[in-house]
Amino acid sequence: MPGAFPQTRRFAAEFTSGTDHERFDFTIVLILDGLLHRWELSRSQRPDVRQAITRIAGAFERVEA
Protein backbone atom coordinates (compact mmCIF):
# COMPACT_ATOMS: atom_id res chain seq x y z
CA MET A 1 0.00 0.00 0.00
CA PRO A 2 2.87 2.50 0.34
CA GLY A 3 2.63 3.17 -3.38
CA ALA A 4 -0.98 4.28 -2.98
CA PHE A 5 -0.06 7.02 -0.49
CA PRO A 6 3.40 8.36 -1.44
CA GLN A 7 2.96 11.67 0.41
CA THR A 8 2.14 9.87 3.65
CA ARG A 9 5.27 7.79 3.34
CA ARG A 10 7.39 10.81 2.36
CA PHE A 11 6.26 12.84 5.39
CA ALA A 12 6.00 10.01 7.93
CA ALA A 13 8.57 11.61 10.26
CA GLU A 14 6.66 14.90 10.30
CA PHE A 15 3.35 13.13 10.93
CA THR A 16 4.73 11.32 13.98
CA SER A 17 6.92 14.05 15.49
CA GLY A 18 5.96 16.70 18.04
CA THR A 19 3.89 16.58 21.19
CA ASP A 20 0.46 15.03 21.53
CA HIS A 21 -1.14 18.48 21.29
CA GLU A 22 0.86 19.41 18.19
CA ARG A 23 -0.17 16.22 16.41
CA PHE A 24 -3.79 16.72 17.45
CA ASP A 25 -3.77 20.34 16.22
CA PHE A 26 -2.13 19.28 12.95
CA THR A 27 -4.79 16.61 12.41
CA ILE A 28 -7.68 18.97 13.13
CA VAL A 29 -6.27 21.62 10.77
CA LEU A 30 -5.71 18.98 8.09
CA ILE A 31 -9.29 17.73 8.39
CA LEU A 32 -10.76 21.24 8.37
CA ASP A 33 -8.61 22.22 5.39
CA GLY A 34 -9.83 19.18 3.48
CA LEU A 35 -13.45 19.95 4.33
CA LEU A 36 -13.02 23.58 3.29
CA HIS A 37 -11.45 22.51 0.01
CA ARG A 38 -14.34 20.14 -0.74
CA TRP A 39 -16.83 22.84 0.25
CA GLU A 40 -15.23 25.36 -2.12
CA LEU A 41 -15.33 22.87 -4.97
CA SER A 42 -18.97 21.98 -4.39
CA ARG A 43 -20.56 25.40 -3.78
CA SER A 44 -20.30 28.66 -5.65
CA GLN A 45 -21.88 30.67 -2.85
CA ARG A 46 -21.01 29.82 0.71
CA PRO A 47 -21.09 31.34 4.18
CA ASP A 48 -17.87 32.72 5.63
CA VAL A 49 -16.32 29.34 6.47
CA ARG A 50 -12.80 30.79 6.67
CA GLN A 51 -13.88 33.06 9.52
CA ALA A 52 -15.34 30.08 11.38
CA ILE A 53 -12.12 28.10 10.95
CA THR A 54 -10.09 31.08 12.18
CA ARG A 55 -12.27 31.21 15.31
CA ILE A 56 -11.79 27.46 15.89
CA ALA A 57 -8.02 27.78 15.47
CA GLY A 58 -7.99 30.69 17.93
CA ALA A 59 -9.84 28.58 20.47
CA PHE A 60 -7.18 25.86 20.21
CA GLU A 61 -4.43 28.44 20.73
CA ARG A 62 -6.15 29.76 23.89
CA VAL A 63 -6.50 26.22 25.28
CA GLU A 64 -2.78 25.55 24.82
CA ALA A 65 -1.72 28.81 26.52
PDB file of N, CA and C in Angstrom:
ATOM      1  N   MET A   1       0.792  -1.201   0.000  1.00  0.00           N
ATOM      2  CA  MET A   1       0.000   0.000   0.000  1.00  0.00           C
ATOM      3  C   MET A   1       0.840   1.274   0.000  1.00  0.00           C
ATOM      4  N   PRO A   2       2.112   1.253   0.344  1.00  0.00           N
ATOM      5  CA  PRO A   2       2.873   2.505   0.344  1.00  0.00           C
ATOM      6  C   PRO A   2       2.823   3.243  -0.984  1.00  0.00           C
ATOM      7  N   GLY A   3       2.707   2.519  -2.085  1.00  0.00           N
ATOM      8  CA  GLY A   3       2.628   3.167  -3.381  1.00  0.00           C
ATOM      9  C   GLY A   3       1.349   3.959  -3.579  1.00  0.00           C
ATOM     10  N   ALA A   4       0.300   3.585  -2.864  1.00  0.00           N
ATOM     11  CA  ALA A   4      -0.982   4.276  -2.983  1.00  0.00           C
ATOM     12  C   ALA A   4      -0.976   5.627  -2.270  1.00  0.00           C
ATOM     13  N   PHE A   5      -0.105   5.795  -1.280  1.00  0.00           N
ATOM     14  CA  PHE A   5      -0.056   7.021  -0.494  1.00  0.00           C
ATOM     15  C   PHE A   5       1.387   7.530  -0.378  1.00  0.00           C
ATOM     16  N   PRO A   6       1.988   7.966  -1.479  1.00  0.00           N
ATOM     17  CA  PRO A   6       3.399   8.364  -1.442  1.00  0.00           C
ATOM     18  C   PRO A   6       3.665   9.566  -0.541  1.00  0.00           C
ATOM     19  N   GLN A   7       2.724  10.503  -0.434  1.00  0.00           N
ATOM     20  CA  GLN A   7       2.956  11.673   0.413  1.00  0.00           C
ATOM     21  C   GLN A   7       2.986  11.284   1.891  1.00  0.00           C
ATOM     22  N   THR A   8       2.138  10.332   2.267  1.00  0.00           N
ATOM     23  CA  THR A   8       2.135   9.874   3.652  1.00  0.00           C
ATOM     24  C   THR A   8       3.469   9.234   3.995  1.00  0.00           C
ATOM     25  N   ARG A   9       3.978   8.440   3.100  1.00  0.00           N
ATOM     26  CA  ARG A   9       5.268   7.794   3.341  1.00  0.00           C
ATOM     27  C   ARG A   9       6.392   8.827   3.363  1.00  0.00           C
ATOM     28  N   ARG A  10       6.354   9.785   2.446  1.00  0.00           N
ATOM     29  CA  ARG A  10       7.393  10.807   2.356  1.00  0.00           C
ATOM     30  C   ARG A  10       7.458  11.651   3.628  1.00  0.00           C
ATOM     31  N   PHE A  11       6.300  11.948   4.232  1.00  0.00           N
ATOM     32  CA  PHE A  11       6.263  12.839   5.392  1.00  0.00           C
ATOM     33  C   PHE A  11       5.980  12.093   6.696  1.00  0.00           C
ATOM     34  N   ALA A  12       6.280  10.819   6.737  1.00  0.00           N
ATOM     35  CA  ALA A  12       5.998  10.007   7.927  1.00  0.00           C
ATOM     36  C   ALA A  12       6.657  10.576   9.179  1.00  0.00           C
ATOM     37  N   ALA A  13       7.882  11.047   9.087  1.00  0.00           N
ATOM     38  CA  ALA A  13       8.568  11.606  10.261  1.00  0.00           C
ATOM     39  C   ALA A  13       7.838  12.838  10.781  1.00  0.00           C
ATOM     40  N   GLU A  14       7.383  13.702   9.884  1.00  0.00           N
ATOM     41  CA  GLU A  14       6.662  14.904  10.298  1.00  0.00           C
ATOM     42  C   GLU A  14       5.318  14.554  10.940  1.00  0.00           C
ATOM     43  N   PHE A  15       4.651  13.521  10.402  1.00  0.00           N
ATOM     44  CA  PHE A  15       3.353  13.129  10.931  1.00  0.00           C
ATOM     45  C   PHE A  15       3.464  12.552  12.342  1.00  0.00           C
ATOM     46  N   THR A  16       4.593  11.986  12.686  1.00  0.00           N
ATOM     47  CA  THR A  16       4.734  11.318  13.978  1.00  0.00           C
ATOM     48  C   THR A  16       5.606  12.084  14.961  1.00  0.00           C
ATOM     49  N   SER A  17       6.083  13.276  14.580  1.00  0.00           N
ATOM     50  CA  SER A  17       6.923  14.049  15.495  1.00  0.00           C
ATOM     51  C   SER A  17       6.075  15.058  16.264  1.00  0.00           C
ATOM     52  N   GLY A  18       6.657  15.682  17.266  1.00  0.00           N
ATOM     53  CA  GLY A  18       5.960  16.705  18.044  1.00  0.00           C
ATOM     54  C   GLY A  18       5.234  16.113  19.239  1.00  0.00           C
ATOM     55  N   THR A  19       4.630  17.008  19.994  1.00  0.00           N
ATOM     56  CA  THR A  19       3.890  16.583  21.189  1.00  0.00           C
ATOM     57  C   THR A  19       2.513  16.078  20.794  1.00  0.00           C
ATOM     58  N   ASP A  20       1.830  15.508  21.777  1.00  0.00           N
ATOM     59  CA  ASP A  20       0.465  15.034  21.533  1.00  0.00           C
ATOM     60  C   ASP A  20      -0.423  16.166  21.027  1.00  0.00           C
ATOM     61  N   HIS A  21      -0.315  17.331  21.671  1.00  0.00           N
ATOM     62  CA  HIS A  21      -1.142  18.480  21.289  1.00  0.00           C
ATOM     63  C   HIS A  21      -0.806  18.974  19.883  1.00  0.00           C
ATOM     64  N   GLU A  22       0.464  18.962  19.529  1.00  0.00           N
ATOM     65  CA  GLU A  22       0.857  19.410  18.186  1.00  0.00           C
ATOM     66  C   GLU A  22       0.305  18.469  17.117  1.00  0.00           C
ATOM     67  N   ARG A  23       0.373  17.180  17.370  1.00  0.00           N
ATOM     68  CA  ARG A  23      -0.166  16.217  16.409  1.00  0.00           C
ATOM     69  C   ARG A  23      -1.685  16.333  16.304  1.00  0.00           C
ATOM     70  N   PHE A  24      -2.345  16.539  17.450  1.00  0.00           N
ATOM     71  CA  PHE A  24      -3.792  16.716  17.446  1.00  0.00           C
ATOM     72  C   PHE A  24      -4.166  17.969  16.653  1.00  0.00           C
ATOM     73  N   ASP A  25      -3.502  19.087  16.936  1.00  0.00           N
ATOM     74  CA  ASP A  25      -3.772  20.338  16.220  1.00  0.00           C
ATOM     75  C   ASP A  25      -3.539  20.172  14.723  1.00  0.00           C
ATOM     76  N   PHE A  26      -2.449  19.509  14.368  1.00  0.00           N
ATOM     77  CA  PHE A  26      -2.134  19.283  12.954  1.00  0.00           C
ATOM     78  C   PHE A  26      -3.262  18.489  12.293  1.00  0.00           C
ATOM     79  N   THR A  27      -3.743  17.454  12.973  1.00  0.00           N
ATOM     80  CA  THR A  27      -4.792  16.609  12.407  1.00  0.00           C
ATOM     81  C   THR A  27      -6.088  17.384  12.225  1.00  0.00           C
ATOM     82  N   ILE A  28      -6.454  18.186  13.224  1.00  0.00           N
ATOM     83  CA  ILE A  28      -7.683  18.975  13.127  1.00  0.00           C
ATOM     84  C   ILE A  28      -7.580  19.965  11.968  1.00  0.00           C
ATOM     85  N   VAL A  29      -6.456  20.662  11.864  1.00  0.00           N
ATOM     86  CA  VAL A  29      -6.271  21.624  10.774  1.00  0.00           C
ATOM     87  C   VAL A  29      -6.311  20.911   9.427  1.00  0.00           C
ATOM     88  N   LEU A  30      -5.700  19.746   9.336  1.00  0.00           N
ATOM     89  CA  LEU A  30      -5.708  18.983   8.089  1.00  0.00           C
ATOM     90  C   LEU A  30      -7.129  18.579   7.695  1.00  0.00           C
ATOM     91  N   ILE A  31      -7.905  18.117   8.659  1.00  0.00           N
ATOM     92  CA  ILE A  31      -9.290  17.729   8.393  1.00  0.00           C
ATOM     93  C   ILE A  31     -10.112  18.939   7.961  1.00  0.00           C
ATOM     94  N   LEU A  32      -9.996  20.045   8.704  1.00  0.00           N
ATOM     95  CA  LEU A  32     -10.764  21.243   8.366  1.00  0.00           C
ATOM     96  C   LEU A  32     -10.364  21.794   7.002  1.00  0.00           C
ATOM     97  N   ASP A  33      -9.073  21.754   6.698  1.00  0.00           N
ATOM     98  CA  ASP A  33      -8.611  22.225   5.394  1.00  0.00           C
ATOM     99  C   ASP A  33      -9.201  21.374   4.273  1.00  0.00           C
ATOM    100  N   GLY A  34      -9.244  20.072   4.478  1.00  0.00           N
ATOM    101  CA  GLY A  34      -9.826  19.185   3.480  1.00  0.00           C
ATOM    102  C   GLY A  34     -11.320  19.433   3.301  1.00  0.00           C
ATOM    103  N   LEU A  35     -12.018  19.646   4.413  1.00  0.00           N
ATOM    104  CA  LEU A  35     -13.446  19.948   4.330  1.00  0.00           C
ATOM    105  C   LEU A  35     -13.689  21.271   3.619  1.00  0.00           C
ATOM    106  N   LEU A  36     -12.890  22.276   3.945  1.00  0.00           N
ATOM    107  CA  LEU A  36     -13.021  23.579   3.293  1.00  0.00           C
ATOM    108  C   LEU A  36     -12.764  23.458   1.793  1.00  0.00           C
ATOM    109  N   HIS A  37     -11.764  22.699   1.423  1.00  0.00           N
ATOM    110  CA  HIS A  37     -11.450  22.508   0.005  1.00  0.00           C
ATOM    111  C   HIS A  37     -12.624  21.850  -0.718  1.00  0.00           C
ATOM    112  N   ARG A  38     -13.187  20.812  -0.123  1.00  0.00           N
ATOM    113  CA  ARG A  38     -14.339  20.139  -0.739  1.00  0.00           C
ATOM    114  C   ARG A  38     -15.531  21.080  -0.825  1.00  0.00           C
ATOM    115  N   TRP A  39     -15.732  21.879   0.228  1.00  0.00           N
ATOM    116  CA  TRP A  39     -16.831  22.842   0.250  1.00  0.00           C
ATOM    117  C   TRP A  39     -16.680  23.851  -0.883  1.00  0.00           C
ATOM    118  N   GLU A  40     -15.478  24.364  -1.068  1.00  0.00           N
ATOM    119  CA  GLU A  40     -15.232  25.357  -2.117  1.00  0.00           C
ATOM    120  C   GLU A  40     -15.451  24.766  -3.505  1.00  0.00           C
ATOM    121  N   LEU A  41     -15.126  23.506  -3.676  1.00  0.00           N
ATOM    122  CA  LEU A  41     -15.325  22.874  -4.966  1.00  0.00           C
ATOM    123  C   LEU A  41     -16.802  22.589  -5.241  1.00  0.00           C
ATOM    124  N   SER A  42     -17.587  22.409  -4.197  1.00  0.00           N
ATOM    125  CA  SER A  42     -18.966  21.980  -4.392  1.00  0.00           C
ATOM    126  C   SER A  42     -19.992  23.114  -4.356  1.00  0.00           C
ATOM    127  N   ARG A  43     -19.596  24.311  -3.901  1.00  0.00           N
ATOM    128  CA  ARG A  43     -20.562  25.400  -3.784  1.00  0.00           C
ATOM    129  C   ARG A  43     -19.988  26.694  -4.332  1.00  0.00           C
ATOM    130  N   SER A  44     -20.776  27.387  -5.132  1.00  0.00           N
ATOM    131  CA  SER A  44     -20.298  28.663  -5.652  1.00  0.00           C
ATOM    132  C   SER A  44     -20.545  29.779  -4.655  1.00  0.00           C
ATOM    133  N   GLN A  45     -21.616  29.692  -3.895  1.00  0.00           N
ATOM    134  CA  GLN A  45     -21.884  30.673  -2.847  1.00  0.00           C
ATOM    135  C   GLN A  45     -21.865  29.943  -1.518  1.00  0.00           C
ATOM    136  N   ARG A  46     -21.142  30.488  -0.577  1.00  0.00           N
ATOM    137  CA  ARG A  46     -21.005  29.822   0.710  1.00  0.00           C
ATOM    138  C   ARG A  46     -20.924  30.846   1.836  1.00  0.00           C
ATOM    139  N   PRO A  47     -21.267  30.443   3.047  1.00  0.00           N
ATOM    140  CA  PRO A  47     -21.085  31.342   4.182  1.00  0.00           C
ATOM    141  C   PRO A  47     -19.593  31.529   4.455  1.00  0.00           C
ATOM    142  N   ASP A  48     -19.270  32.412   5.341  1.00  0.00           N
ATOM    143  CA  ASP A  48     -17.875  32.717   5.630  1.00  0.00           C
ATOM    144  C   ASP A  48     -17.248  31.600   6.462  1.00  0.00           C
ATOM    145  N   VAL A  49     -16.894  30.507   5.804  1.00  0.00           N
ATOM    146  CA  VAL A  49     -16.322  29.344   6.468  1.00  0.00           C
ATOM    147  C   VAL A  49     -14.917  29.655   6.981  1.00  0.00           C
ATOM    148  N   ARG A  50     -14.167  30.447   6.241  1.00  0.00           N
ATOM    149  CA  ARG A  50     -12.802  30.787   6.674  1.00  0.00           C
ATOM    150  C   ARG A  50     -12.813  31.490   8.028  1.00  0.00           C
ATOM    151  N   GLN A  51     -13.788  32.366   8.237  1.00  0.00           N
ATOM    152  CA  GLN A  51     -13.881  33.061   9.516  1.00  0.00           C
ATOM    153  C   GLN A  51     -14.172  32.062  10.640  1.00  0.00           C
ATOM    154  N   ALA A  52     -15.030  31.099  10.381  1.00  0.00           N
ATOM    155  CA  ALA A  52     -15.339  30.083  11.385  1.00  0.00           C
ATOM    156  C   ALA A  52     -14.099  29.254  11.717  1.00  0.00           C
ATOM    157  N   ILE A  53     -13.335  28.888  10.714  1.00  0.00           N
ATOM    158  CA  ILE A  53     -12.120  28.103  10.950  1.00  0.00           C
ATOM    159  C   ILE A  53     -11.102  28.923  11.735  1.00  0.00           C
ATOM    160  N   THR A  54     -10.999  30.210  11.440  1.00  0.00           N
ATOM    161  CA  THR A  54     -10.090  31.084  12.183  1.00  0.00           C
ATOM    162  C   THR A  54     -10.494  31.136  13.655  1.00  0.00           C
ATOM    163  N   ARG A  55     -11.796  31.206  13.919  1.00  0.00           N
ATOM    164  CA  ARG A  55     -12.269  31.213  15.307  1.00  0.00           C
ATOM    165  C   ARG A  55     -11.934  29.898  15.998  1.00  0.00           C
ATOM    166  N   ILE A  56     -12.106  28.774  15.309  1.00  0.00           N
ATOM    167  CA  ILE A  56     -11.792  27.461  15.887  1.00  0.00           C
ATOM    168  C   ILE A  56     -10.302  27.372  16.197  1.00  0.00           C
ATOM    169  N   ALA A  57      -9.475  27.816  15.255  1.00  0.00           N
ATOM    170  CA  ALA A  57      -8.019  27.779  15.471  1.00  0.00           C
ATOM    171  C   ALA A  57      -7.635  28.651  16.662  1.00  0.00           C
ATOM    172  N   GLY A  58      -8.262  29.809  16.795  1.00  0.00           N
ATOM    173  CA  GLY A  58      -7.993  30.690  17.933  1.00  0.00           C
ATOM    174  C   GLY A  58      -8.356  30.039  19.249  1.00  0.00           C
ATOM    175  N   ALA A  59      -9.440  29.280  19.259  1.00  0.00           N
ATOM    176  CA  ALA A  59      -9.844  28.584  20.474  1.00  0.00           C
ATOM    177  C   ALA A  59      -8.801  27.554  20.873  1.00  0.00           C
ATOM    178  N   PHE A  60      -8.231  26.835  19.903  1.00  0.00           N
ATOM    179  CA  PHE A  60      -7.180  25.857  20.211  1.00  0.00           C
ATOM    180  C   PHE A  60      -5.947  26.553  20.772  1.00  0.00           C
ATOM    181  N   GLU A  61      -5.610  27.711  20.246  1.00  0.00           N
ATOM    182  CA  GLU A  61      -4.433  28.436  20.733  1.00  0.00           C
ATOM    183  C   GLU A  61      -4.654  28.887  22.171  1.00  0.00           C
ATOM    184  N   ARG A  62      -5.863  29.327  22.510  1.00  0.00           N
ATOM    185  CA  ARG A  62      -6.148  29.757  23.894  1.00  0.00           C
ATOM    186  C   ARG A  62      -6.088  28.577  24.857  1.00  0.00           C
ATOM    187  N   VAL A  63      -6.531  27.410  24.413  1.00  0.00           N
ATOM    188  CA  VAL A  63      -6.502  26.221  25.277  1.00  0.00           C
ATOM    189  C   VAL A  63      -5.065  25.835  25.586  1.00  0.00           C
ATOM    190  N   GLU A  64      -4.180  25.937  24.617  1.00  0.00           N
ATOM    191  CA  GLU A  64      -2.778  25.552  24.817  1.00  0.00           C
ATOM    192  C   GLU A  64      -2.045  26.523  25.718  1.00  0.00           C
ATOM    193  N   ALA A  65      -2.430  27.776  25.720  1.00  0.00           N
ATOM    194  CA  ALA A  65      -1.718  28.809  26.517  1.00  0.00           C
ATOM    195  C   ALA A  65      -1.939  28.651  27.987  1.00  0.00           C
TER     196      ALA A  65
END
